[in-house]
Amino acid sequence: MAVFLALGFGMAFPLLALSMTPALARRLPRPGAWMESFKQAMAFPLYATALWLSVGALLIRPVRTG
């Protein structure tokens, strides 16, 4: 249970820090065309990971005994 608590805190902390200090929120990059390019660039690692996990799951077969 402590692991899930730590994961939740770790994911929530940046948002909490930004909401408590508006000066940090103003330093965030503004949305624009760069976000579309970034999204397309990040799609490749996502697809590669999905392929890697799929191939790994298909190659692992249960061992038959008897």
C-alpha atoms as a PDB file:
ATOM      1  CA  MET A   1       0.000   0.000   0.000  1.00  0.00           C
ATOM      2  CA  ALA A   2       2.917   2.337   0.699  1.00  0.00           C
ATOM      3  CA  VAL A   3       4.105   1.879  -2.884  1.00  0.00           C
ATOM      4  CA  PHE A   4       0.813   3.196  -4.262  1.00  0.00           C
ATOM      5  CA  LEU A   5       0.880   6.086  -1.822  1.00  0.00           C
ATOM      6  CA  ALA A   6       4.391   7.007  -2.929  1.00  0.00           C
ATOM      7  CA  LEU A   7       3.437   6.755  -6.620  1.00  0.00           C
ATOM      8  CA  GLY A   8       0.381   8.938  -6.105  1.00  0.00           C
ATOM      9  CA  PHE A   9       2.359  11.539  -4.187  1.00  0.00           C
ATOM     10  CA  GLY A  10       5.096  11.543  -6.813  1.00  0.00           C
ATOM     11  CA  MET A  11       2.632  12.137  -9.628  1.00  0.00           C
ATOM     12  CA  ALA A  12       0.617  14.761  -7.741  1.00  0.00           C
ATOM     13  CA  PHE A  13       3.527  16.766  -6.351  1.00  0.00           C
ATOM     14  CA  PRO A  14       4.388  18.700  -9.548  1.00  0.00           C
ATOM     15  CA  LEU A  15       0.770  19.804  -9.985  1.00  0.00           C
ATOM     16  CA  LEU A  16       0.530  20.729  -6.336  1.00  0.00           C
ATOM     17  CA  ALA A  17       3.754  22.760  -6.530  1.00  0.00           C
ATOM     18  CA  LEU A  18       2.566  24.591  -9.657  1.00  0.00           C
ATOM     19  CA  SER A  19      -0.816  25.395  -8.172  1.00  0.00           C
ATOM     20  CA  MET A  20       0.690  26.805  -4.982  1.00  0.00           C
ATOM     21  CA  THR A  21       3.224  29.044  -6.733  1.00  0.00           C
ATOM     22  CA  PRO A  22       1.805  30.953  -9.731  1.00  0.00           C
ATOM     23  CA  ALA A  23       5.286  32.208 -10.618  1.00  0.00           C
ATOM     24  CA  LEU A  24       6.244  28.642 -11.552  1.00  0.00           C
ATOM     25  CA  ALA A  25       3.067  28.183 -13.585  1.00  0.00           C
ATOM     26  CA  ARG A  26       3.910  31.278 -15.653  1.00  0.00           C
ATOM     27  CA  ARG A  27       7.222  29.661 -16.646  1.00  0.00           C
ATOM     28  CA  LEU A  28       5.507  26.715 -18.328  1.00  0.00           C
ATOM     29  CA  PRO A  29       5.673  26.695 -22.133  1.00  0.00           C
ATOM     30  CA  ARG A  30       2.611  27.940 -23.984  1.00  0.00           C
ATOM     31  CA  PRO A  31       0.679  25.538 -26.231  1.00  0.00           C
ATOM     32  CA  GLY A  32       1.267  25.855 -29.926  1.00  0.00           C
ATOM     33  CA  ALA A  33       2.443  24.056 -33.027  1.00  0.00           C
ATOM     34  CA  TRP A  34       5.415  22.605 -31.163  1.00  0.00           C
ATOM     35  CA  MET A  35       3.003  20.443 -29.148  1.00  0.00           C
ATOM     36  CA  GLU A  36       1.785  18.674 -32.285  1.00  0.00           C
ATOM     37  CA  SER A  37       5.367  17.914 -33.350  1.00  0.00           C
ATOM     38  CA  PHE A  38       6.208  16.713 -29.855  1.00  0.00           C
ATOM     39  CA  LYS A  39       3.118  14.490 -29.785  1.00  0.00           C
ATOM     40  CA  GLN A  40       4.081  12.908 -33.102  1.00  0.00           C
ATOM     41  CA  ALA A  41       7.665  12.411 -31.937  1.00  0.00           C
ATOM     42  CA  MET A  42       6.504  10.746 -28.706  1.00  0.00           C
ATOM     43  CA  ALA A  43       4.213   8.389 -30.638  1.00  0.00           C
ATOM     44  CA  PHE A  44       7.197   6.415 -31.968  1.00  0.00           C
ATOM     45  CA  PRO A  45       8.498   5.267 -28.532  1.00  0.00           C
ATOM     46  CA  LEU A  46       4.924   4.434 -27.523  1.00  0.00           C
ATOM     47  CA  TYR A  47       4.386   2.268 -30.600  1.00  0.00           C
ATOM     48  CA  ALA A  48       7.798   0.632 -30.156  1.00  0.00           C
ATOM     49  CA  THR A  49       6.980  -0.236 -26.535  1.00  0.00           C
ATOM     50  CA  ALA A  50       3.584  -1.659 -27.485  1.00  0.00           C
ATOM     51  CA  LEU A  51       5.195  -3.794 -30.186  1.00  0.00           C
ATOM     52  CA  TRP A  52       7.930  -4.976 -27.812  1.00  0.00           C
ATOM     53  CA  LEU A  53       5.414  -5.968 -25.135  1.00  0.00           C
ATOM     54  CA  SER A  54       3.118  -7.658 -27.666  1.00  0.00           C
ATOM     55  CA  VAL A  55       5.899  -9.717 -29.198  1.00  0.00           C
ATOM     56  CA  GLY A  56       7.174 -10.654 -25.759  1.00  0.00           C
ATOM     57  CA  ALA A  57       3.707 -11.755 -24.643  1.00  0.00           C
ATOM     58  CA  LEU A  58       3.200 -13.816 -27.801  1.00  0.00           C
ATOM     59  CA  LEU A  59       6.553 -15.560 -27.473  1.00  0.00           C
ATOM     60  CA  ILE A  60       5.969 -16.650 -23.889  1.00  0.00           C
ATOM     61  CA  ARG A  61       3.982 -19.860 -24.016  1.00  0.00           C
ATOM     62  CA  PRO A  62       2.875 -22.012 -21.128  1.00  0.00           C
ATOM     63  CA  VAL A  63       4.953 -25.130 -20.572  1.00  0.00           C
ATOM     64  CA  ARG A  64       2.992 -28.343 -21.006  1.00  0.00           C
ATOM     65  CA  THR A  65       3.801 -31.127 -18.619  1.00  0.00           C
ATOM     66  CA  GLY A  66       2.821 -34.678 -19.345  1.00  0.00           C
END
